[in-house]
Amino acid sequence: MSTETVSIRCYLKDSYFRRNYHQREPAQTILLLFWQVLGITWEYIYILLMFQISSRI
């Protein structure tokens, strides 16, 4: 049951983002791009930090 709700939620979020992207509202797309870049940067920094910590130990 929980996996079903999660998949439905993901699908709804996907369709929402896709709809917004197809409308091509500049502010929305820029914000979405900003969040994607932020997420990638955060992941990169996190991996780097973990690597530094593991190499020290």
C-alpha atoms as a PDB file:
ATOM      1  CA  MET A   1       0.000   0.000   0.000  1.00  0.00           C
ATOM      2  CA  SER A   2       2.785   2.437   0.935  1.00  0.00           C
ATOM      3  CA  THR A   3       4.715   1.780  -2.291  1.00  0.00           C
ATOM      4  CA  GLU A   4       1.541   2.436  -4.301  1.00  0.00           C
ATOM      5  CA  THR A   5       0.984   5.808  -2.642  1.00  0.00           C
ATOM      6  CA  VAL A   6       4.644   6.729  -3.162  1.00  0.00           C
ATOM      7  CA  SER A   7       4.500   5.808  -6.868  1.00  0.00           C
ATOM      8  CA  ILE A   8       1.260   7.769  -7.290  1.00  0.00           C
ATOM      9  CA  ARG A   9       2.808  10.754  -5.571  1.00  0.00           C
ATOM     10  CA  CYS A  10       5.902  10.514  -7.775  1.00  0.00           C
ATOM     11  CA  TYR A  11       3.732  10.263 -10.872  1.00  0.00           C
ATOM     12  CA  LEU A  12       1.712  13.311  -9.826  1.00  0.00           C
ATOM     13  CA  LYS A  13       4.867  15.300  -9.154  1.00  0.00           C
ATOM     14  CA  ASP A  14       6.322  14.180 -12.508  1.00  0.00           C
ATOM     15  CA  SER A  15       3.214  15.163 -14.455  1.00  0.00           C
ATOM     16  CA  TYR A  16       3.062  18.493 -12.580  1.00  0.00           C
ATOM     17  CA  PHE A  17       6.660  19.349 -13.441  1.00  0.00           C
ATOM     18  CA  ARG A  18       6.197  18.175 -17.029  1.00  0.00           C
ATOM     19  CA  ARG A  19       3.079  20.313 -17.412  1.00  0.00           C
ATOM     20  CA  ASN A  20       4.892  23.354 -16.035  1.00  0.00           C
ATOM     21  CA  TYR A  21       7.850  22.701 -18.294  1.00  0.00           C
ATOM     22  CA  HIS A  22       5.635  22.458 -21.374  1.00  0.00           C
ATOM     23  CA  GLN A  23       3.944  25.749 -20.424  1.00  0.00           C
ATOM     24  CA  ARG A  24       7.450  27.214 -20.390  1.00  0.00           C
ATOM     25  CA  GLU A  25       6.960  29.757 -17.637  1.00  0.00           C
ATOM     26  CA  PRO A  26      10.411  31.365 -17.399  1.00  0.00           C
ATOM     27  CA  ALA A  27      10.394  31.794 -13.618  1.00  0.00           C
ATOM     28  CA  GLN A  28       9.307  28.196 -13.045  1.00  0.00           C
ATOM     29  CA  THR A  29      11.914  26.691 -15.377  1.00  0.00           C
ATOM     30  CA  ILE A  30      14.697  28.836 -13.917  1.00  0.00           C
ATOM     31  CA  LEU A  31      13.670  27.814 -10.391  1.00  0.00           C
ATOM     32  CA  LEU A  32      13.561  24.143 -11.388  1.00  0.00           C
ATOM     33  CA  LEU A  33      16.985  24.402 -13.021  1.00  0.00           C
ATOM     34  CA  PHE A  34      18.337  26.178  -9.931  1.00  0.00           C
ATOM     35  CA  TRP A  35      17.078  23.390  -7.658  1.00  0.00           C
ATOM     36  CA  GLN A  36      18.572  20.713  -9.939  1.00  0.00           C
ATOM     37  CA  VAL A  37      21.963  22.462  -9.961  1.00  0.00           C
ATOM     38  CA  LEU A  38      21.790  22.925  -6.189  1.00  0.00           C
ATOM     39  CA  GLY A  39      21.011  19.235  -5.707  1.00  0.00           C
ATOM     40  CA  ILE A  40      23.871  18.118  -7.951  1.00  0.00           C
ATOM     41  CA  THR A  41      26.295  20.521  -6.239  1.00  0.00           C
ATOM     42  CA  TRP A  42      25.190  19.307  -2.795  1.00  0.00           C
ATOM     43  CA  GLU A  43      25.671  15.651  -3.823  1.00  0.00           C
ATOM     44  CA  TYR A  44      29.141  16.444  -5.196  1.00  0.00           C
ATOM     45  CA  ILE A  45      30.183  18.273  -2.004  1.00  0.00           C
ATOM     46  CA  TYR A  46      28.767  15.450   0.151  1.00  0.00           C
ATOM     47  CA  ILE A  47      30.690  12.793  -1.800  1.00  0.00           C
ATOM     48  CA  LEU A  48      33.862  14.875  -1.581  1.00  0.00           C
ATOM     49  CA  LEU A  49      33.450  15.295   2.183  1.00  0.00           C
ATOM     50  CA  MET A  50      32.825  11.576   2.701  1.00  0.00           C
ATOM     51  CA  PHE A  51      35.892  10.753   0.615  1.00  0.00           C
ATOM     52  CA  GLN A  52      38.024  13.162   2.686  1.00  0.00           C
ATOM     53  CA  ILE A  53      36.750  11.666   5.960  1.00  0.00           C
ATOM     54  CA  SER A  54      37.287   8.067   4.801  1.00  0.00           C
ATOM     55  CA  SER A  55      40.795   8.848   3.528  1.00  0.00           C
ATOM     56  CA  ARG A  56      41.756  10.408   6.877  1.00  0.00           C
ATOM     57  CA  ILE A  57      40.659   7.364   8.905  1.00  0.00           C
END
